[in-house]
PDB file of N, CA and C in Angstrom:
ATOM      1  N   MET A   1     135.337 119.804 154.985  1.00  0.00           N
ATOM      2  CA  MET A   1     134.028 120.067 155.099  1.00  0.00           C
ATOM      3  C   MET A   1     133.781 121.285 154.009  1.00  0.00           C
ATOM      4  N   LYS A   2     134.795 122.239 154.095  1.00  0.00           N
ATOM      5  CA  LYS A   2     134.567 123.398 153.167  1.00  0.00           C
ATOM      6  C   LYS A   2     134.541 123.038 151.668  1.00  0.00           C
ATOM      7  N   ASN A   3     135.367 121.995 151.318  1.00  0.00           N
ATOM      8  CA  ASN A   3     135.356 121.429 149.876  1.00  0.00           C
ATOM      9  C   ASN A   3     133.976 120.998 149.571  1.00  0.00           C
ATOM     10  N   LYS A   4     133.349 120.099 150.491  1.00  0.00           N
ATOM     11  CA  LYS A   4     132.026 119.702 150.267  1.00  0.00           C
ATOM     12  C   LYS A   4     130.860 120.819 150.221  1.00  0.00           C
ATOM     13  N   LEU A   5     131.043 121.873 151.069  1.00  0.00           N
ATOM     14  CA  LEU A   5     130.135 123.070 150.902  1.00  0.00           C
ATOM     15  C   LEU A   5     130.447 123.669 149.506  1.00  0.00           C
ATOM     16  N   PHE A   6     131.503 123.954 149.178  1.00  0.00           N
ATOM     17  CA  PHE A   6     131.926 124.514 147.986  1.00  0.00           C
ATOM     18  C   PHE A   6     131.399 123.839 146.647  1.00  0.00           C
ATOM     19  N   ILE A   7     131.598 122.512 146.700  1.00  0.00           N
ATOM     20  CA  ILE A   7     130.988 121.638 145.605  1.00  0.00           C
ATOM     21  C   ILE A   7     129.567 121.727 145.525  1.00  0.00           C
ATOM     22  N   LEU A   8     128.978 121.584 146.671  1.00  0.00           N
ATOM     23  CA  LEU A   8     127.455 121.744 146.820  1.00  0.00           C
ATOM     24  C   LEU A   8     126.804 122.996 146.278  1.00  0.00           C
ATOM     25  N   PHE A   9     127.525 124.170 146.785  1.00  0.00           N
ATOM     26  CA  PHE A   9     127.098 125.433 146.287  1.00  0.00           C
ATOM     27  C   PHE A   9     127.277 125.676 144.738  1.00  0.00           C
ATOM     28  N   GLY A  10     128.336 125.113 144.147  1.00  0.00           N
ATOM     29  CA  GLY A  10     128.729 125.136 142.829  1.00  0.00           C
ATOM     30  C   GLY A  10     127.821 124.473 142.013  1.00  0.00           C
ATOM     31  N   LEU A  11     127.428 123.093 142.502  1.00  0.00           N
ATOM     32  CA  LEU A  11     126.432 122.415 141.929  1.00  0.00           C
ATOM     33  C   LEU A  11     125.043 122.937 141.836  1.00  0.00           C
ATOM     34  N   PHE A  12     124.622 123.521 142.869  1.00  0.00           N
ATOM     35  CA  PHE A  12     123.255 124.438 143.046  1.00  0.00           C
ATOM     36  C   PHE A  12     123.449 125.473 142.154  1.00  0.00           C
ATOM     37  N   ALA A  13     124.320 126.311 142.030  1.00  0.00           N
ATOM     38  CA  ALA A  13     124.506 127.431 141.021  1.00  0.00           C
ATOM     39  C   ALA A  13     124.349 126.907 139.748  1.00  0.00           C
ATOM     40  N   PHE A  14     125.140 125.892 139.500  1.00  0.00           N
ATOM     41  CA  PHE A  14     125.005 125.334 138.070  1.00  0.00           C
ATOM     42  C   PHE A  14     123.578 125.006 137.654  1.00  0.00           C
ATOM     43  N   LEU A  15     123.006 124.092 138.400  1.00  0.00           N
ATOM     44  CA  LEU A  15     121.660 123.668 138.218  1.00  0.00           C
ATOM     45  C   LEU A  15     120.574 124.575 138.285  1.00  0.00           C
ATOM     46  N   SER A  16     120.784 125.806 139.050  1.00  0.00           N
ATOM     47  CA  SER A  16     119.821 126.779 138.931  1.00  0.00           C
ATOM     48  C   SER A  16     119.767 127.693 137.576  1.00  0.00           C
ATOM     49  N   CYS A  17     120.820 127.653 136.775  1.00  0.00           N
ATOM     50  CA  CYS A  17     120.827 128.311 135.474  1.00  0.00           C
ATOM     51  C   CYS A  17     119.895 127.735 134.517  1.00  0.00           C
ATOM     52  N   ASP A  18     119.105 128.652 133.816  1.00  0.00           N
ATOM     53  CA  ASP A  18     118.064 128.126 132.806  1.00  0.00           C
ATOM     54  C   ASP A  18     118.629 128.971 131.514  1.00  0.00           C
ATOM     55  N   VAL A  19     118.417 127.973 130.490  1.00  0.00           N
ATOM     56  CA  VAL A  19     118.668 128.679 129.128  1.00  0.00           C
ATOM     57  C   VAL A  19     117.271 128.913 128.612  1.00  0.00           C
ATOM     58  N   THR A  20     117.086 130.043 128.107  1.00  0.00           N
ATOM     59  CA  THR A  20     115.626 130.636 127.724  1.00  0.00           C
ATOM     60  C   THR A  20     115.673 130.314 126.248  1.00  0.00           C
ATOM     61  N   SER A  21     114.590 129.676 125.893  1.00  0.00           N
ATOM     62  CA  SER A  21     114.394 129.437 124.367  1.00  0.00           C
ATOM     63  C   SER A  21     112.927 129.775 124.166  1.00  0.00           C
ATOM     64  N   SER A  22     112.744 130.214 122.945  1.00  0.00           N
ATOM     65  CA  SER A  22     111.323 130.449 122.383  1.00  0.00           C
ATOM     66  C   SER A  22     111.012 129.751 121.189  1.00  0.00           C
ATOM     67  N   ALA A  23     109.873 129.511 121.069  1.00  0.00           N
ATOM     68  CA  ALA A  23     109.383 128.791 119.758  1.00  0.00           C
ATOM     69  C   ALA A  23     107.944 129.757 119.209  1.00  0.00           C
ATOM     70  N   VAL A  24     108.346 129.993 117.981  1.00  0.00           N
ATOM     71  CA  VAL A  24     107.170 130.598 117.292  1.00  0.00           C
ATOM     72  C   VAL A  24     106.380 129.579 116.488  1.00  0.00           C
ATOM     73  N   SER A  25     105.236 129.630 116.958  1.00  0.00           N
ATOM     74  CA  SER A  25     104.371 128.740 116.135  1.00  0.00           C
ATOM     75  C   SER A  25     103.042 129.558 115.420  1.00  0.00           C
ATOM     76  N   GLY A  26     102.827 128.911 114.285  1.00  0.00           N
ATOM     77  CA  GLY A  26     101.725 129.715 113.582  1.00  0.00           C
ATOM     78  C   GLY A  26     101.116 128.762 112.453  1.00  0.00           C
ATOM     79  N   ILE A  27     100.302 129.452 111.865  1.00  0.00           N
ATOM     80  CA  ILE A  27      99.782 128.635 110.629  1.00  0.00           C
ATOM     81  C   ILE A  27     100.583 128.667 109.284  1.00  0.00           C
ATOM     82  N   GLU A  28     101.167 127.746 108.748  1.00  0.00           N
ATOM     83  CA  GLU A  28     102.029 127.876 107.633  1.00  0.00           C
ATOM     84  C   GLU A  28     101.106 128.360 106.459  1.00  0.00           C
ATOM     85  N   ASN A  29     101.818 128.753 105.523  1.00  0.00           N
ATOM     86  CA  ASN A  29     101.023 129.232 104.194  1.00  0.00           C
ATOM     87  C   ASN A  29     100.914 127.986 103.312  1.00  0.00           C
ATOM     88  N   ARG A  30     100.094 127.051 103.933  1.00  0.00           N
ATOM     89  CA  ARG A  30      99.892 125.709 103.037  1.00  0.00           C
ATOM     90  C   ARG A  30      98.528 125.299 103.339  1.00  0.00           C
ATOM     91  N   SER A  31      97.901 124.995 102.148  1.00  0.00           N
ATOM     92  CA  SER A  31      96.469 124.359 102.146  1.00  0.00           C
ATOM     93  C   SER A  31      96.622 123.145 101.557  1.00  0.00           C
ATOM     94  N   TYR A  32      95.388 122.444 101.694  1.00  0.00           N
ATOM     95  CA  TYR A  32      95.507 121.101 101.131  1.00  0.00           C
ATOM     96  C   TYR A  32      94.170 120.689 100.268  1.00  0.00           C
ATOM     97  N   LEU A  33      94.236 119.808  99.378  1.00  0.00           N
ATOM     98  CA  LEU A  33      93.101 119.299  98.505  1.00  0.00           C
ATOM     99  C   LEU A  33      93.067 117.835  98.696  1.00  0.00           C
ATOM    100  N   ILE A  34      91.845 117.380  98.770  1.00  0.00           N
ATOM    101  CA  ILE A  34      91.617 116.018  99.013  1.00  0.00           C
ATOM    102  C   ILE A  34      90.456 115.683  98.003  1.00  0.00           C
ATOM    103  N   PHE A  35      90.547 114.562  97.233  1.00  0.00           N
ATOM    104  CA  PHE A  35      89.686 114.316  96.198  1.00  0.00           C
ATOM    105  C   PHE A  35      88.558 113.150  96.723  1.00  0.00           C
ATOM    106  N   LEU A  36      87.466 113.335  96.557  1.00  0.00           N
ATOM    107  CA  LEU A  36      86.378 112.305  97.227  1.00  0.00           C
ATOM    108  C   LEU A  36      85.394 112.013  96.068  1.00  0.00           C
ATOM    109  N   ALA A  37      84.743 110.819  96.123  1.00  0.00           N
ATOM    110  CA  ALA A  37      83.564 110.409  95.160  1.00  0.00           C
ATOM    111  C   ALA A  37      82.878 109.390  95.956  1.00  0.00           C
ATOM    112  N   ALA A  38      81.387 109.153  95.622  1.00  0.00           N
ATOM    113  CA  ALA A  38      80.644 108.301  96.248  1.00  0.00           C
ATOM    114  C   ALA A  38      81.090 106.907  95.991  1.00  0.00           C
ATOM    115  N   ASP A  39      81.751 106.406  94.869  1.00  0.00           N
ATOM    116  CA  ASP A  39      82.148 105.171  94.684  1.00  0.00           C
ATOM    117  C   ASP A  39      83.748 105.398  94.086  1.00  0.00           C
ATOM    118  N   LYS A  40      84.615 104.904  95.034  1.00  0.00           N
ATOM    119  CA  LYS A  40      86.000 105.116  94.761  1.00  0.00           C
ATOM    120  C   LYS A  40      86.420 104.148  93.533  1.00  0.00           C
ATOM    121  N   THR A  41      85.599 103.129  93.107  1.00  0.00           N
ATOM    122  CA  THR A  41      85.951 102.254  91.982  1.00  0.00           C
ATOM    123  C   THR A  41      85.610 102.915  90.551  1.00  0.00           C
ATOM    124  N   ASP A  42      85.083 103.937  90.647  1.00  0.00           N
ATOM    125  CA  ASP A  42      84.776 104.758  89.311  1.00  0.00           C
ATOM    126  C   ASP A  42      86.178 105.500  88.946  1.00  0.00           C
ATOM    127  N   TYR A  43      87.002 105.506  89.838  1.00  0.00           N
ATOM    128  CA  TYR A  43      88.244 106.142  89.495  1.00  0.00           C
ATOM    129  C   TYR A  43      89.416 105.213  89.961  1.00  0.00           C
ATOM    130  N   PRO A  44      89.602 104.172  89.255  1.00  0.00           N
ATOM    131  CA  PRO A  44      90.686 103.335  89.956  1.00  0.00           C
ATOM    132  C   PRO A  44      92.024 103.740  89.651  1.00  0.00           C
ATOM    133  N   ASN A  45      92.293 104.644  88.589  1.00  0.00           N
ATOM    134  CA  ASN A  45      93.739 105.069  88.357  1.00  0.00           C
ATOM    135  C   ASN A  45      93.854 106.605  88.773  1.00  0.00           C
ATOM    136  N   GLY A  46      92.769 107.100  89.520  1.00  0.00           N
ATOM    137  CA  GLY A  46      92.781 108.475  89.919  1.00  0.00           C
ATOM    138  C   GLY A  46      92.361 109.370  88.817  1.00  0.00           C
ATOM    139  N   VAL A  47      92.637 110.712  88.950  1.00  0.00           N
ATOM    140  CA  VAL A  47      92.337 111.635  88.142  1.00  0.00           C
ATOM    141  C   VAL A  47      93.485 112.630  87.751  1.00  0.00           C
ATOM    142  N   GLU A  48      93.469 113.575  86.765  1.00  0.00           N
ATOM    143  CA  GLU A  48      94.344 114.424  86.257  1.00  0.00           C
ATOM    144  C   GLU A  48      93.942 115.717  86.910  1.00  0.00           C
ATOM    145  N   VAL A  49      94.774 116.475  87.727  1.00  0.00           N
ATOM    146  CA  VAL A  49      94.414 117.729  88.228  1.00  0.00           C
ATOM    147  C   VAL A  49      95.232 118.661  87.659  1.00  0.00           C
ATOM    148  N   SER A  50      94.609 119.913  87.315  1.00  0.00           N
ATOM    149  CA  SER A  50      95.366 121.025  86.668  1.00  0.00           C
ATOM    150  C   SER A  50      95.092 122.328  87.712  1.00  0.00           C
ATOM    151  N   LEU A  51      96.124 122.918  88.162  1.00  0.00           N
ATOM    152  CA  LEU A  51      96.001 124.019  89.112  1.00  0.00           C
ATOM    153  C   LEU A  51      96.408 125.145  88.477  1.00  0.00           C
ATOM    154  N   ASP A  52      95.643 126.370  88.316  1.00  0.00           N
ATOM    155  CA  ASP A  52      95.857 127.566  87.716  1.00  0.00           C
ATOM    156  C   ASP A  52      96.692 127.419  86.245  1.00  0.00           C
ATOM    157  N   ASP A  53      96.219 126.360  85.527  1.00  0.00           N
ATOM    158  CA  ASP A  53      96.617 126.087  84.156  1.00  0.00           C
ATOM    159  C   ASP A  53      98.074 125.926  84.066  1.00  0.00           C
ATOM    160  N   SER A  54      98.843 125.871  85.182  1.00  0.00           N
ATOM    161  CA  SER A  54     100.297 125.643  85.033  1.00  0.00           C
ATOM    162  C   SER A  54     100.661 124.347  85.638  1.00  0.00           C
ATOM    163  N   THR A  55     100.187 124.020  86.701  1.00  0.00           N
ATOM    164  CA  THR A  55     100.691 122.765  87.554  1.00  0.00           C
ATOM    165  C   THR A  55      99.743 121.744  87.438  1.00  0.00           C
ATOM    166  N   ARG A  56     100.157 120.448  86.971  1.00  0.00           N
ATOM    167  CA  ARG A  56      99.484 119.299  86.620  1.00  0.00           C
ATOM    168  C   ARG A  56      99.996 118.095  87.431  1.00  0.00           C
ATOM    169  N   PHE A  57      99.028 117.531  88.219  1.00  0.00           N
ATOM    170  CA  PHE A  57      99.424 116.078  88.819  1.00  0.00           C
ATOM    171  C   PHE A  57      98.327 115.042  88.814  1.00  0.00           C
ATOM    172  N   ASP A  58      98.627 113.937  88.932  1.00  0.00           N
ATOM    173  CA  ASP A  58      97.639 112.725  89.118  1.00  0.00           C
ATOM    174  C   ASP A  58      97.384 112.805  90.627  1.00  0.00           C
ATOM    175  N   ALA A  59      96.027 112.607  91.038  1.00  0.00           N
ATOM    176  CA  ALA A  59      95.492 112.507  92.195  1.00  0.00           C
ATOM    177  C   ALA A  59      94.702 111.284  92.427  1.00  0.00           C
ATOM    178  N   GLU A  60      94.884 110.616  93.630  1.00  0.00           N
ATOM    179  CA  GLU A  60      94.066 109.694  94.083  1.00  0.00           C
ATOM    180  C   GLU A  60      92.869 110.035  94.590  1.00  0.00           C
ATOM    181  N   VAL A  61      91.691 109.217  94.148  1.00  0.00           N
ATOM    182  CA  VAL A  61      90.305 109.558  94.676  1.00  0.00           C
ATOM    183  C   VAL A  61      89.955 108.574  95.653  1.00  0.00           C
ATOM    184  N   HIS A  62      89.275 109.045  96.884  1.00  0.00           N
ATOM    185  CA  HIS A  62      88.940 108.475  97.981  1.00  0.00           C
ATOM    186  C   HIS A  62      87.500 108.427  98.143  1.00  0.00           C
ATOM    187  N   LYS A  63      86.896 107.346  98.908  1.00  0.00           N
ATOM    188  CA  LYS A  63      85.332 107.236  99.014  1.00  0.00           C
ATOM    189  C   LYS A  63      85.107 108.453  99.850  1.00  0.00           C
ATOM    190  N   ASN A  64      83.810 108.994  99.599  1.00  0.00           N
ATOM    191  CA  ASN A  64      83.516 110.249 100.287  1.00  0.00           C
ATOM    192  C   ASN A  64      83.043 109.844 101.685  1.00  0.00           C
ATOM    193  N   ILE A  65      83.820 110.186 102.756  1.00  0.00           N
ATOM    194  CA  ILE A  65      83.589 109.901 104.163  1.00  0.00           C
ATOM    195  C   ILE A  65      83.981 111.019 104.989  1.00  0.00           C
ATOM    196  N   SER A  66      83.283 111.210 106.166  1.00  0.00           N
ATOM    197  CA  SER A  66      83.427 112.583 106.879  1.00  0.00           C
ATOM    198  C   SER A  66      84.724 112.543 107.382  1.00  0.00           C
ATOM    199  N   ARG A  67      85.491 111.450 107.941  1.00  0.00           N
ATOM    200  CA  ARG A  67      86.800 111.542 108.604  1.00  0.00           C
ATOM    201  C   ARG A  67      87.896 111.291 107.307  1.00  0.00           C
ATOM    202  N   VAL A  68      88.914 112.412 107.321  1.00  0.00           N
ATOM    203  CA  VAL A  68      89.751 112.455 106.420  1.00  0.00           C
ATOM    204  C   VAL A  68      91.223 112.344 106.844  1.00  0.00           C
ATOM    205  N   ARG A  69      91.278 111.998 108.070  1.00  0.00           N
ATOM    206  CA  ARG A  69      92.579 112.128 108.727  1.00  0.00           C
ATOM    207  C   ARG A  69      93.758 111.209 108.032  1.00  0.00           C
ATOM    208  N   ASN A  70      93.498 109.994 107.683  1.00  0.00           N
ATOM    209  CA  ASN A  70      94.379 109.194 107.012  1.00  0.00           C
ATOM    210  C   ASN A  70      94.387 109.085 105.502  1.00  0.00           C
ATOM    211  N   LEU A  71      93.643 110.013 104.934  1.00  0.00           N
ATOM    212  CA  LEU A  71      93.753 109.942 103.443  1.00  0.00           C
ATOM    213  C   LEU A  71      94.707 110.932 102.896  1.00  0.00           C
ATOM    214  N   LEU A  72      95.052 110.584 101.612  1.00  0.00           N
ATOM    215  CA  LEU A  72      96.023 111.275 100.990  1.00  0.00           C
ATOM    216  C   LEU A  72      95.619 112.779 100.640  1.00  0.00           C
ATOM    217  N   LYS A  73      96.452 113.781 101.147  1.00  0.00           N
ATOM    218  CA  LYS A  73      96.199 115.171 100.726  1.00  0.00           C
ATOM    219  C   LYS A  73      97.215 115.693  99.945  1.00  0.00           C
ATOM    220  N   TYR A  74      96.865 116.631  99.011  1.00  0.00           N
ATOM    221  CA  TYR A  74      97.798 117.266  98.090  1.00  0.00           C
ATOM    222  C   TYR A  74      97.970 118.810  98.644  1.00  0.00           C
ATOM    223  N   GLY A  75      99.350 119.060  98.962  1.00  0.00           N
ATOM    224  CA  GLY A  75      99.596 120.458  99.565  1.00  0.00           C
ATOM    225  C   GLY A  75      99.682 121.448  98.185  1.00  0.00           C
ATOM    226  N   ILE A  76      99.109 122.599  98.502  1.00  0.00           N
ATOM    227  CA  ILE A  76      98.968 123.745  97.609  1.00  0.00           C
ATOM    228  C   ILE A  76      99.225 125.053  98.454  1.00  0.00           C
ATOM    229  N   SER A  77      99.521 125.995  97.677  1.00  0.00           N
ATOM    230  CA  SER A  77      99.858 127.408  98.472  1.00  0.00           C
ATOM    231  C   SER A  77      98.414 127.955  98.638  1.00  0.00           C
ATOM    232  N   SER A  78      98.249 128.680  99.682  1.00  0.00           N
ATOM    233  CA  SER A  78      96.998 129.253 100.168  1.00  0.00           C
ATOM    234  C   SER A  78      96.618 130.419  99.254  1.00  0.00           C
ATOM    235  N   GLY A  79      95.330 130.701  99.124  1.00  0.00           N
ATOM    236  CA  GLY A  79      94.847 131.656  98.109  1.00  0.00           C
ATOM    237  C   GLY A  79      93.993 131.323  97.069  1.00  0.00           C
ATOM    238  N   LYS A  80      93.777 132.079  96.097  1.00  0.00           N
ATOM    239  CA  LYS A  80      92.874 131.693  95.000  1.00  0.00           C
ATOM    240  C   LYS A  80      93.460 131.040  93.878  1.00  0.00           C
ATOM    241  N   HIS A  81      92.796 129.905  93.464  1.00  0.00           N
ATOM    242  CA  HIS A  81      93.215 128.972  92.485  1.00  0.00           C
ATOM    243  C   HIS A  81      92.234 128.494  91.385  1.00  0.00           C
ATOM    244  N   LYS A  82      92.516 128.477  90.199  1.00  0.00           N
ATOM    245  CA  LYS A  82      91.673 127.896  89.057  1.00  0.00           C
ATOM    246  C   LYS A  82      92.050 126.140  89.316  1.00  0.00           C
ATOM    247  N   LEU A  83      91.155 125.403  89.509  1.00  0.00           N
ATOM    248  CA  LEU A  83      91.114 124.090  89.656  1.00  0.00           C
ATOM    249  C   LEU A  83      90.207 123.435  88.551  1.00  0.00           C
ATOM    250  N   LYS A  84      90.996 122.369  87.887  1.00  0.00           N
ATOM    251  CA  LYS A  84      90.245 121.550  86.833  1.00  0.00           C
ATOM    252  C   LYS A  84      90.645 120.158  87.047  1.00  0.00           C
ATOM    253  N   VAL A  85      89.612 119.199  87.017  1.00  0.00           N
ATOM    254  CA  VAL A  85      89.858 117.738  87.267  1.00  0.00           C
ATOM    255  C   VAL A  85      89.172 117.155  86.100  1.00  0.00           C
ATOM    256  N   VAL A  86      90.108 116.360  85.494  1.00  0.00           N
ATOM    257  CA  VAL A  86      89.914 115.581  84.318  1.00  0.00           C
ATOM    258  C   VAL A  86      90.017 114.051  84.403  1.00  0.00           C
ATOM    259  N   LYS A  87      89.184 113.291  83.904  1.00  0.00           N
ATOM    260  CA  LYS A  87      89.301 111.779  83.849  1.00  0.00           C
ATOM    261  C   LYS A  87      88.998 111.355  82.420  1.00  0.00           C
ATOM    262  N   ASP A  88      90.082 110.743  81.664  1.00  0.00           N
ATOM    263  CA  ASP A  88      89.952 110.248  80.399  1.00  0.00           C
ATOM    264  C   ASP A  88      89.506 111.212  79.352  1.00  0.00           C
ATOM    265  N   GLY A  89      89.856 112.520  79.514  1.00  0.00           N
ATOM    266  CA  GLY A  89      89.601 113.440  78.593  1.00  0.00           C
ATOM    267  C   GLY A  89      88.275 114.165  78.882  1.00  0.00           C
ATOM    268  N   ASN A  90      87.459 113.822  79.808  1.00  0.00           N
ATOM    269  CA  ASN A  90      86.224 114.382  80.305  1.00  0.00           C
ATOM    270  C   ASN A  90      86.415 115.372  81.443  1.00  0.00           C
ATOM    271  N   LEU A  91      86.039 116.421  81.465  1.00  0.00           N
ATOM    272  CA  LEU A  91      86.101 117.515  82.395  1.00  0.00           C
ATOM    273  C   LEU A  91      84.999 117.163  83.546  1.00  0.00           C
ATOM    274  N   LEU A  92      85.635 116.886  84.805  1.00  0.00           N
ATOM    275  CA  LEU A  92      84.680 116.486  85.850  1.00  0.00           C
ATOM    276  C   LEU A  92      84.487 117.550  86.783  1.00  0.00           C
ATOM    277  N   TYR A  93      85.342 118.510  86.893  1.00  0.00           N
ATOM    278  CA  TYR A  93      85.298 119.662  87.808  1.00  0.00           C
ATOM    279  C   TYR A  93      86.112 120.932  87.392  1.00  0.00           C
ATOM    280  N   GLU A  94      85.409 121.801  87.461  1.00  0.00           N
ATOM    281  CA  GLU A  94      86.181 123.134  87.117  1.00  0.00           C
ATOM    282  C   GLU A  94      85.632 124.236  87.962  1.00  0.00           C
ATOM    283  N   LYS A  95      86.447 124.888  88.708  1.00  0.00           N
ATOM    284  CA  LYS A  95      86.046 125.822  89.645  1.00  0.00           C
ATOM    285  C   LYS A  95      87.191 126.879  90.094  1.00  0.00           C
ATOM    286  N   LEU A  96      86.850 128.096  90.428  1.00  0.00           N
ATOM    287  CA  LEU A  96      87.782 128.830  91.110  1.00  0.00           C
ATOM    288  C   LEU A  96      87.523 128.878  92.480  1.00  0.00           C
ATOM    289  N   ILE A  97      88.625 128.381  93.183  1.00  0.00           N
ATOM    290  CA  ILE A  97      88.508 128.067  94.559  1.00  0.00           C
ATOM    291  C   ILE A  97      89.441 129.150  95.382  1.00  0.00           C
ATOM    292  N   PHE A  98      89.065 129.331  96.636  1.00  0.00           N
ATOM    293  CA  PHE A  98      89.970 130.131  97.632  1.00  0.00           C
ATOM    294  C   PHE A  98      90.142 129.114  98.868  1.00  0.00           C
ATOM    295  N   VAL A  99      91.446 128.949  99.196  1.00  0.00           N
ATOM    296  CA  VAL A  99      91.655 127.954 100.375  1.00  0.00           C
ATOM    297  C   VAL A  99      92.558 128.970 101.472  1.00  0.00           C
ATOM    298  N   SER A 100      92.145 128.883 102.628  1.00  0.00           N
ATOM    299  CA  SER A 100      92.804 129.529 103.665  1.00  0.00           C
ATOM    300  C   SER A 100      94.082 128.895 104.232  1.00  0.00           C
ATOM    301  N   PRO A 101      95.070 129.416 104.849  1.00  0.00           N
ATOM    302  CA  PRO A 101      96.127 128.754 105.318  1.00  0.00           C
ATOM    303  C   PRO A 101      95.816 127.662 106.321  1.00  0.00           C
ATOM    304  N   GLY A 102      96.260 126.402 106.176  1.00  0.00           N
ATOM    305  CA  GLY A 102      95.916 125.126 106.981  1.00  0.00           C
ATOM    306  C   GLY A 102      94.482 124.520 106.563  1.00  0.00           C
ATOM    307  N   GLN A 103      93.750 125.079 105.716  1.00  0.00           N
ATOM    308  CA  GLN A 103      92.527 124.492 105.323  1.00  0.00           C
ATOM    309  C   GLN A 103      92.521 123.181 104.450  1.00  0.00           C
ATOM    310  N   THR A 104      91.836 122.252 104.720  1.00  0.00           N
ATOM    311  CA  THR A 104      91.690 121.116 103.658  1.00  0.00           C
ATOM    312  C   THR A 104      90.443 121.134 102.900  1.00  0.00           C
ATOM    313  N   LYS A 105      90.507 121.360 101.573  1.00  0.00           N
ATOM    314  CA  LYS A 105      89.465 121.556 100.870  1.00  0.00           C
ATOM    315  C   LYS A 105      88.998 120.193 100.267  1.00  0.00           C
ATOM    316  N   LYS A 106      87.861 119.851 100.279  1.00  0.00           N
ATOM    317  CA  LYS A 106      87.248 118.630  99.854  1.00  0.00           C
ATOM    318  C   LYS A 106      86.634 118.827  98.422  1.00  0.00           C
ATOM    319  N   ILE A 107      87.116 118.200  97.442  1.00  0.00           N
ATOM    320  CA  ILE A 107      86.705 118.087  96.075  1.00  0.00           C
ATOM    321  C   ILE A 107      85.917 116.945  95.821  1.00  0.00           C
ATOM    322  N   ILE A 108      84.514 117.151  95.738  1.00  0.00           N
ATOM    323  CA  ILE A 108      83.589 115.977  95.682  1.00  0.00           C
ATOM    324  C   ILE A 108      83.416 115.663  94.286  1.00  0.00           C
ATOM    325  N   LEU A 109      83.704 114.659  93.641  1.00  0.00           N
ATOM    326  CA  LEU A 109      83.519 114.317  92.240  1.00  0.00           C
ATOM    327  C   LEU A 109      82.092 113.571  92.175  1.00  0.00           C
ATOM    328  N   GLN A 110      81.374 113.733  90.888  1.00  0.00           N
ATOM    329  CA  GLN A 110      80.187 113.022  90.739  1.00  0.00           C
ATOM    330  C   GLN A 110      80.554 111.843  89.934  1.00  0.00           C
TER     331      GLN A 110
END
């Protein structure tokens, strides 16, 4: 009987121990760009994007809708950026933008 009580007490003591863990959550220093147009078919191959005259990439253009959850977003660092959007050598958009951490900035092309 003493063995059973000893095992029961040991099991109770073992199960009552807790490991403390902490998680730090915050907004990461990342912002997002999404490119929209009234008619997606005007940009079948996407557009060329230049960020701060140093970073260049091709971007897909989506139809301008209010819900942007499942659309392709392009991650950039937060802060101030010089943004240029070019299609077939024609400048479509040029602006100095500021994006906050976690913000998704809609770039609407004409």
